[in-house]
Amino acid sequence: MSSGRAPIGTDGKPVNLHHMLQKQDGAIAEITQSFHKENHGVIHINDNSIPSGINRAEFNKWRSNYWKDRAKSYK
């Protein structure tokens, strides 16, 4: 995590950060990649009929900083 990458979840895959409300500034949940895949239809309120409210380039930078900050809590 200190390098800005997600930790490995209980499913052996990187932990996902999920936008709960599918908005840039909305709540974020740490979930396993398996949970994200298996529950995709339930946890994504936008069925792609409207544009995503998430700026992916901005989020990718934020996500890296998020994991770096989370790593600090383990030191």
PDB file of N, CA and C in Angstrom:
ATOM      1  N   MET A   1       0.816  -1.200   0.000  1.00  0.00           N
ATOM      2  CA  MET A   1       0.000   0.000   0.000  1.00  0.00           C
ATOM      3  C   MET A   1       0.854   1.255   0.000  1.00  0.00           C
ATOM      4  N   SER A   2       2.002   1.201   0.630  1.00  0.00           N
ATOM      5  CA  SER A   2       2.832   2.409   0.724  1.00  0.00           C
ATOM      6  C   SER A   2       3.306   2.884  -0.646  1.00  0.00           C
ATOM      7  N   SER A   3       3.235   2.015  -1.648  1.00  0.00           N
ATOM      8  CA  SER A   3       3.613   2.405  -3.011  1.00  0.00           C
ATOM      9  C   SER A   3       2.417   2.962  -3.783  1.00  0.00           C
ATOM     10  N   GLY A   4       1.241   2.971  -3.155  1.00  0.00           N
ATOM     11  CA  GLY A   4       0.042   3.484  -3.806  1.00  0.00           C
ATOM     12  C   GLY A   4      -0.810   2.412  -4.456  1.00  0.00           C
ATOM     13  N   ARG A   5      -0.458   1.161  -4.211  1.00  0.00           N
ATOM     14  CA  ARG A   5      -1.225   0.051  -4.786  1.00  0.00           C
ATOM     15  C   ARG A   5      -2.109  -0.583  -3.722  1.00  0.00           C
ATOM     16  N   ALA A   6      -3.214  -1.146  -4.172  1.00  0.00           N
ATOM     17  CA  ALA A   6      -4.176  -1.765  -3.261  1.00  0.00           C
ATOM     18  C   ALA A   6      -3.595  -3.009  -2.601  1.00  0.00           C
ATOM     19  N   PRO A   7      -4.019  -3.271  -1.366  1.00  0.00           N
ATOM     20  CA  PRO A   7      -3.601  -4.518  -0.716  1.00  0.00           C
ATOM     21  C   PRO A   7      -4.335  -5.694  -1.363  1.00  0.00           C
ATOM     22  N   ILE A   8      -3.873  -6.879  -1.072  1.00  0.00           N
ATOM     23  CA  ILE A   8      -4.518  -8.091  -1.575  1.00  0.00           C
ATOM     24  C   ILE A   8      -5.634  -8.477  -0.607  1.00  0.00           C
ATOM     25  N   GLY A   9      -6.810  -8.723  -1.158  1.00  0.00           N
ATOM     26  CA  GLY A   9      -7.971  -9.069  -0.348  1.00  0.00           C
ATOM     27  C   GLY A   9      -8.015 -10.540   0.004  1.00  0.00           C
ATOM     28  N   THR A  10      -9.053 -10.917   0.710  1.00  0.00           N
ATOM     29  CA  THR A  10      -9.219 -12.301   1.141  1.00  0.00           C
ATOM     30  C   THR A  10      -9.431 -13.252  -0.032  1.00  0.00           C
ATOM     31  N   ASP A  11      -9.756 -12.697  -1.204  1.00  0.00           N
ATOM     32  CA  ASP A  11      -9.938 -13.521  -2.401  1.00  0.00           C
ATOM     33  C   ASP A  11      -8.647 -13.670  -3.205  1.00  0.00           C
ATOM     34  N   GLY A  12      -7.548 -13.102  -2.681  1.00  0.00           N
ATOM     35  CA  GLY A  12      -6.261 -13.203  -3.354  1.00  0.00           C
ATOM     36  C   GLY A  12      -6.056 -12.186  -4.463  1.00  0.00           C
ATOM     37  N   LYS A  13      -6.965 -11.223  -4.582  1.00  0.00           N
ATOM     38  CA  LYS A  13      -6.899 -10.201  -5.630  1.00  0.00           C
ATOM     39  C   LYS A  13      -6.869  -8.817  -4.986  1.00  0.00           C
ATOM     40  N   PRO A  14      -6.402  -7.791  -5.724  1.00  0.00           N
ATOM     41  CA  PRO A  14      -6.354  -6.447  -5.147  1.00  0.00           C
ATOM     42  C   PRO A  14      -7.739  -5.968  -4.697  1.00  0.00           C
ATOM     43  N   VAL A  15      -7.776  -5.292  -3.561  1.00  0.00           N
ATOM     44  CA  VAL A  15      -9.008  -4.720  -3.034  1.00  0.00           C
ATOM     45  C   VAL A  15      -9.464  -3.595  -3.964  1.00  0.00           C
ATOM     46  N   ASN A  16     -10.767  -3.528  -4.209  1.00  0.00           N
ATOM     47  CA  ASN A  16     -11.358  -2.479  -5.038  1.00  0.00           C
ATOM     48  C   ASN A  16     -11.876  -1.354  -4.168  1.00  0.00           C
ATOM     49  N   LEU A  17     -11.803  -0.138  -4.682  1.00  0.00           N
ATOM     50  CA  LEU A  17     -12.474   0.996  -4.063  1.00  0.00           C
ATOM     51  C   LEU A  17     -13.723   1.251  -4.897  1.00  0.00           C
ATOM     52  N   HIS A  18     -14.871   1.113  -4.271  1.00  0.00           N
ATOM     53  CA  HIS A  18     -16.145   1.239  -4.983  1.00  0.00           C
ATOM     54  C   HIS A  18     -16.849   2.534  -4.607  1.00  0.00           C
ATOM     55  N   HIS A  19     -17.249   3.296  -5.618  1.00  0.00           N
ATOM     56  CA  HIS A  19     -18.035   4.519  -5.405  1.00  0.00           C
ATOM     57  C   HIS A  19     -19.475   4.100  -5.090  1.00  0.00           C
ATOM     58  N   MET A  20     -19.875   4.246  -3.853  1.00  0.00           N
ATOM     59  CA  MET A  20     -21.196   3.788  -3.432  1.00  0.00           C
ATOM     60  C   MET A  20     -22.328   4.468  -4.197  1.00  0.00           C
ATOM     61  N   LEU A  21     -22.190   5.761  -4.456  1.00  0.00           N
ATOM     62  CA  LEU A  21     -23.242   6.505  -5.154  1.00  0.00           C
ATOM     63  C   LEU A  21     -22.881   6.795  -6.599  1.00  0.00           C
ATOM     64  N   GLN A  22     -21.780   6.224  -7.057  1.00  0.00           N
ATOM     65  CA  GLN A  22     -21.313   6.415  -8.428  1.00  0.00           C
ATOM     66  C   GLN A  22     -21.086   7.887  -8.760  1.00  0.00           C
ATOM     67  N   LYS A  23     -20.617   8.647  -7.754  1.00  0.00           N
ATOM     68  CA  LYS A  23     -20.291  10.063  -7.920  1.00  0.00           C
ATOM     69  C   LYS A  23     -18.857  10.287  -7.475  1.00  0.00           C
ATOM     70  N   GLN A  24     -18.202  11.258  -8.083  1.00  0.00           N
ATOM     71  CA  GLN A  24     -16.802  11.567  -7.782  1.00  0.00           C
ATOM     72  C   GLN A  24     -16.574  11.818  -6.291  1.00  0.00           C
ATOM     73  N   ASP A  25     -17.459  12.594  -5.682  1.00  0.00           N
ATOM     74  CA  ASP A  25     -17.254  12.979  -4.280  1.00  0.00           C
ATOM     75  C   ASP A  25     -18.128  12.184  -3.311  1.00  0.00           C
ATOM     76  N   GLY A  26     -18.666  11.064  -3.761  1.00  0.00           N
ATOM     77  CA  GLY A  26     -19.507  10.240  -2.905  1.00  0.00           C
ATOM     78  C   GLY A  26     -18.696   9.296  -2.028  1.00  0.00           C
ATOM     79  N   ALA A  27     -19.413   8.557  -1.219  1.00  0.00           N
ATOM     80  CA  ALA A  27     -18.786   7.601  -0.298  1.00  0.00           C
ATOM     81  C   ALA A  27     -18.067   6.489  -1.062  1.00  0.00           C
ATOM     82  N   ILE A  28     -16.972   6.016  -0.460  1.00  0.00           N
ATOM     83  CA  ILE A  28     -16.150   4.953  -1.040  1.00  0.00           C
ATOM     84  C   ILE A  28     -16.149   3.756  -0.088  1.00  0.00           C
ATOM     85  N   ALA A  29     -16.219   2.555  -0.650  1.00  0.00           N
ATOM     86  CA  ALA A  29     -16.135   1.335   0.158  1.00  0.00           C
ATOM     87  C   ALA A  29     -14.992   0.472  -0.359  1.00  0.00           C
ATOM     88  N   GLU A  30     -14.265  -0.134   0.563  1.00  0.00           N
ATOM     89  CA  GLU A  30     -13.230  -1.107   0.204  1.00  0.00           C
ATOM     90  C   GLU A  30     -13.911  -2.470   0.114  1.00  0.00           C
ATOM     91  N   ILE A  31     -13.868  -3.080  -1.067  1.00  0.00           N
ATOM     92  CA  ILE A  31     -14.510  -4.378  -1.252  1.00  0.00           C
ATOM     93  C   ILE A  31     -13.585  -5.309  -2.035  1.00  0.00           C
ATOM     94  N   THR A  32     -13.786  -6.600  -1.852  1.00  0.00           N
ATOM     95  CA  THR A  32     -12.969  -7.548  -2.609  1.00  0.00           C
ATOM     96  C   THR A  32     -13.370  -7.492  -4.079  1.00  0.00           C
ATOM     97  N   GLN A  33     -12.427  -7.850  -4.918  1.00  0.00           N
ATOM     98  CA  GLN A  33     -12.698  -7.876  -6.352  1.00  0.00           C
ATOM     99  C   GLN A  33     -13.795  -8.901  -6.670  1.00  0.00           C
ATOM    100  N   SER A  34     -13.784 -10.014  -5.948  1.00  0.00           N
ATOM    101  CA  SER A  34     -14.807 -11.047  -6.153  1.00  0.00           C
ATOM    102  C   SER A  34     -16.196 -10.519  -5.821  1.00  0.00           C
ATOM    103  N   PHE A  35     -16.323  -9.811  -4.690  1.00  0.00           N
ATOM    104  CA  PHE A  35     -17.616  -9.231  -4.310  1.00  0.00           C
ATOM    105  C   PHE A  35     -18.066  -8.244  -5.374  1.00  0.00           C
ATOM    106  N   HIS A  36     -17.145  -7.411  -5.843  1.00  0.00           N
ATOM    107  CA  HIS A  36     -17.468  -6.403  -6.857  1.00  0.00           C
ATOM    108  C   HIS A  36     -18.002  -7.071  -8.122  1.00  0.00           C
ATOM    109  N   LYS A  37     -17.348  -8.129  -8.546  1.00  0.00           N
ATOM    110  CA  LYS A  37     -17.752  -8.831  -9.773  1.00  0.00           C
ATOM    111  C   LYS A  37     -19.079  -9.566  -9.590  1.00  0.00           C
ATOM    112  N   GLU A  38     -19.211 -10.280  -8.480  1.00  0.00           N
ATOM    113  CA  GLU A  38     -20.405 -11.094  -8.238  1.00  0.00           C
ATOM    114  C   GLU A  38     -21.658 -10.258  -7.997  1.00  0.00           C
ATOM    115  N   ASN A  39     -21.492  -9.033  -7.516  1.00  0.00           N
ATOM    116  CA  ASN A  39     -22.633  -8.178  -7.174  1.00  0.00           C
ATOM    117  C   ASN A  39     -22.727  -6.936  -8.049  1.00  0.00           C
ATOM    118  N   HIS A  40     -22.092  -6.977  -9.191  1.00  0.00           N
ATOM    119  CA  HIS A  40     -22.022  -5.818 -10.082  1.00  0.00           C
ATOM    120  C   HIS A  40     -23.394  -5.189 -10.345  1.00  0.00           C
ATOM    121  N   GLY A  41     -24.366  -5.986 -10.679  1.00  0.00           N
ATOM    122  CA  GLY A  41     -25.693  -5.469 -10.999  1.00  0.00           C
ATOM    123  C   GLY A  41     -26.402  -4.825  -9.828  1.00  0.00           C
ATOM    124  N   VAL A  42     -26.072  -5.235  -8.627  1.00  0.00           N
ATOM    125  CA  VAL A  42     -26.714  -4.706  -7.425  1.00  0.00           C
ATOM    126  C   VAL A  42     -26.027  -3.436  -6.935  1.00  0.00           C
ATOM    127  N   ILE A  43     -24.703  -3.408  -6.974  1.00  0.00           N
ATOM    128  CA  ILE A  43     -23.973  -2.280  -6.382  1.00  0.00           C
ATOM    129  C   ILE A  43     -23.754  -1.113  -7.340  1.00  0.00           C
ATOM    130  N   HIS A  44     -24.081  -1.280  -8.614  1.00  0.00           N
ATOM    131  CA  HIS A  44     -23.948  -0.177  -9.568  1.00  0.00           C
ATOM    132  C   HIS A  44     -25.331   0.379  -9.886  1.00  0.00           C
ATOM    133  N   ILE A  45     -25.615   1.554  -9.327  1.00  0.00           N
ATOM    134  CA  ILE A  45     -26.938   2.150  -9.509  1.00  0.00           C
ATOM    135  C   ILE A  45     -27.105   2.771 -10.892  1.00  0.00           C
ATOM    136  N   ASN A  46     -26.002   3.054 -11.569  1.00  0.00           N
ATOM    137  CA  ASN A  46     -26.059   3.605 -12.918  1.00  0.00           C
ATOM    138  C   ASN A  46     -25.973   2.445 -13.908  1.00  0.00           C
ATOM    139  N   ASP A  47     -27.017   2.268 -14.685  1.00  0.00           N
ATOM    140  CA  ASP A  47     -27.033   1.181 -15.673  1.00  0.00           C
ATOM    141  C   ASP A  47     -26.412   1.609 -17.008  1.00  0.00           C
ATOM    142  N   ASN A  48     -25.591   2.651 -16.954  1.00  0.00           N
ATOM    143  CA  ASN A  48     -24.918   3.232 -18.123  1.00  0.00           C
ATOM    144  C   ASN A  48     -25.865   3.985 -19.045  1.00  0.00           C
ATOM    145  N   SER A  49     -27.076   4.297 -18.559  1.00  0.00           N
ATOM    146  CA  SER A  49     -27.999   5.098 -19.357  1.00  0.00           C
ATOM    147  C   SER A  49     -27.680   6.586 -19.226  1.00  0.00           C
ATOM    148  N   ILE A  50     -26.859   6.934 -18.221  1.00  0.00           N
ATOM    149  CA  ILE A  50     -26.380   8.312 -18.059  1.00  0.00           C
ATOM    150  C   ILE A  50     -24.856   8.264 -17.947  1.00  0.00           C
ATOM    151  N   PRO A  51     -24.187   9.344 -18.317  1.00  0.00           N
ATOM    152  CA  PRO A  51     -22.719   9.349 -18.220  1.00  0.00           C
ATOM    153  C   PRO A  51     -22.246   9.165 -16.777  1.00  0.00           C
ATOM    154  N   SER A  52     -21.102   8.555 -16.630  1.00  0.00           N
ATOM    155  CA  SER A  52     -20.512   8.358 -15.306  1.00  0.00           C
ATOM    156  C   SER A  52     -20.195   9.708 -14.674  1.00  0.00           C
ATOM    157  N   GLY A  53     -20.422   9.814 -13.387  1.00  0.00           N
ATOM    158  CA  GLY A  53     -20.082  11.029 -12.657  1.00  0.00           C
ATOM    159  C   GLY A  53     -18.672  10.971 -12.092  1.00  0.00           C
ATOM    160  N   ILE A  54     -17.871  10.035 -12.578  1.00  0.00           N
ATOM    161  CA  ILE A  54     -16.531   9.827 -12.033  1.00  0.00           C
ATOM    162  C   ILE A  54     -15.483  10.187 -13.080  1.00  0.00           C
ATOM    163  N   ASN A  55     -14.604  11.105 -12.706  1.00  0.00           N
ATOM    164  CA  ASN A  55     -13.468  11.465 -13.559  1.00  0.00           C
ATOM    165  C   ASN A  55     -12.389  10.427 -13.276  1.00  0.00           C
ATOM    166  N   ARG A  56     -12.190   9.488 -14.176  1.00  0.00           N
ATOM    167  CA  ARG A  56     -11.294   8.356 -13.931  1.00  0.00           C
ATOM    168  C   ARG A  56      -9.839   8.770 -13.733  1.00  0.00           C
ATOM    169  N   ALA A  57      -9.354   9.732 -14.507  1.00  0.00           N
ATOM    170  CA  ALA A  57      -7.959  10.169 -14.349  1.00  0.00           C
ATOM    171  C   ALA A  57      -7.750  10.769 -12.963  1.00  0.00           C
ATOM    172  N   GLU A  58      -8.695  11.591 -12.536  1.00  0.00           N
ATOM    173  CA  GLU A  58      -8.615  12.202 -11.206  1.00  0.00           C
ATOM    174  C   GLU A  58      -8.730  11.136 -10.119  1.00  0.00           C
ATOM    175  N   PHE A  59      -9.645  10.190 -10.316  1.00  0.00           N
ATOM    176  CA  PHE A  59      -9.836   9.128  -9.335  1.00  0.00           C
ATOM    177  C   PHE A  59      -8.601   8.239  -9.224  1.00  0.00           C
ATOM    178  N   ASN A  60      -7.962   7.929 -10.337  1.00  0.00           N
ATOM    179  CA  ASN A  60      -6.763   7.082 -10.300  1.00  0.00           C
ATOM    180  C   ASN A  60      -5.669   7.709  -9.449  1.00  0.00           C
ATOM    181  N   LYS A  61      -5.500   9.021  -9.557  1.00  0.00           N
ATOM    182  CA  LYS A  61      -4.511   9.722  -8.734  1.00  0.00           C
ATOM    183  C   LYS A  61      -4.941   9.685  -7.261  1.00  0.00           C
ATOM    184  N   TRP A  62      -6.212   9.976  -7.018  1.00  0.00           N
ATOM    185  CA  TRP A  62      -6.741   9.968  -5.652  1.00  0.00           C
ATOM    186  C   TRP A  62      -6.585   8.580  -5.034  1.00  0.00           C
ATOM    187  N   ARG A  63      -6.889   7.530  -5.808  1.00  0.00           N
ATOM    188  CA  ARG A  63      -6.817   6.150  -5.309  1.00  0.00           C
ATOM    189  C   ARG A  63      -5.406   5.805  -4.841  1.00  0.00           C
ATOM    190  N   SER A  64      -4.414   6.201  -5.609  1.00  0.00           N
ATOM    191  CA  SER A  64      -3.028   5.943  -5.226  1.00  0.00           C
ATOM    192  C   SER A  64      -2.708   6.616  -3.893  1.00  0.00           C
ATOM    193  N   ASN A  65      -3.124   7.860  -3.745  1.00  0.00           N
ATOM    194  CA  ASN A  65      -2.901   8.580  -2.484  1.00  0.00           C
ATOM    195  C   ASN A  65      -3.693   7.956  -1.339  1.00  0.00           C
ATOM    196  N   TYR A  66      -4.885   7.463  -1.637  1.00  0.00           N
ATOM    197  CA  TYR A  66      -5.708   6.803  -0.625  1.00  0.00           C
ATOM    198  C   TYR A  66      -4.964   5.619  -0.021  1.00  0.00           C
ATOM    199  N   TRP A  67      -4.396   4.755  -0.874  1.00  0.00           N
ATOM    200  CA  TRP A  67      -3.691   3.573  -0.368  1.00  0.00           C
ATOM    201  C   TRP A  67      -2.418   3.957   0.376  1.00  0.00           C
ATOM    202  N   LYS A  68      -1.741   4.990  -0.063  1.00  0.00           N
ATOM    203  CA  LYS A  68      -0.552   5.460   0.659  1.00  0.00           C
ATOM    204  C   LYS A  68      -0.936   5.934   2.053  1.00  0.00           C
ATOM    205  N   ASP A  69      -2.035   6.686   2.150  1.00  0.00           N
ATOM    206  CA  ASP A  69      -2.499   7.161   3.458  1.00  0.00           C
ATOM    207  C   ASP A  69      -2.950   6.004   4.343  1.00  0.00           C
ATOM    208  N   ARG A  70      -3.618   5.015   3.762  1.00  0.00           N
ATOM    209  CA  ARG A  70      -4.056   3.851   4.541  1.00  0.00           C
ATOM    210  C   ARG A  70      -2.856   3.090   5.086  1.00  0.00           C
ATOM    211  N   ALA A  71      -1.792   3.017   4.304  1.00  0.00           N
ATOM    212  CA  ALA A  71      -0.580   2.311   4.743  1.00  0.00           C
ATOM    213  C   ALA A  71       0.016   2.971   5.977  1.00  0.00           C
ATOM    214  N   LYS A  72      -0.085   4.287   6.067  1.00  0.00           N
ATOM    215  CA  LYS A  72       0.464   5.015   7.220  1.00  0.00           C
ATOM    216  C   LYS A  72      -0.212   4.591   8.519  1.00  0.00           C
ATOM    217  N   SER A  73      -1.465   4.159   8.445  1.00  0.00           N
ATOM    218  CA  SER A  73      -2.185   3.770   9.664  1.00  0.00           C
ATOM    219  C   SER A  73      -1.665   2.451  10.238  1.00  0.00           C
ATOM    220  N   TYR A  74      -0.824   1.751   9.488  1.00  0.00           N
ATOM    221  CA  TYR A  74      -0.263   0.480   9.951  1.00  0.00           C
ATOM    222  C   TYR A  74       1.160   0.610  10.470  1.00  0.00           C
ATOM    223  N   LYS A  75       1.696   1.811  10.435  1.00  0.00           N
ATOM    224  CA  LYS A  75       3.078   2.013  10.894  1.00  0.00           C
ATOM    225  C   LYS A  75       3.129   2.263  12.377  1.00  0.00           C
TER     226      LYS A  75
END
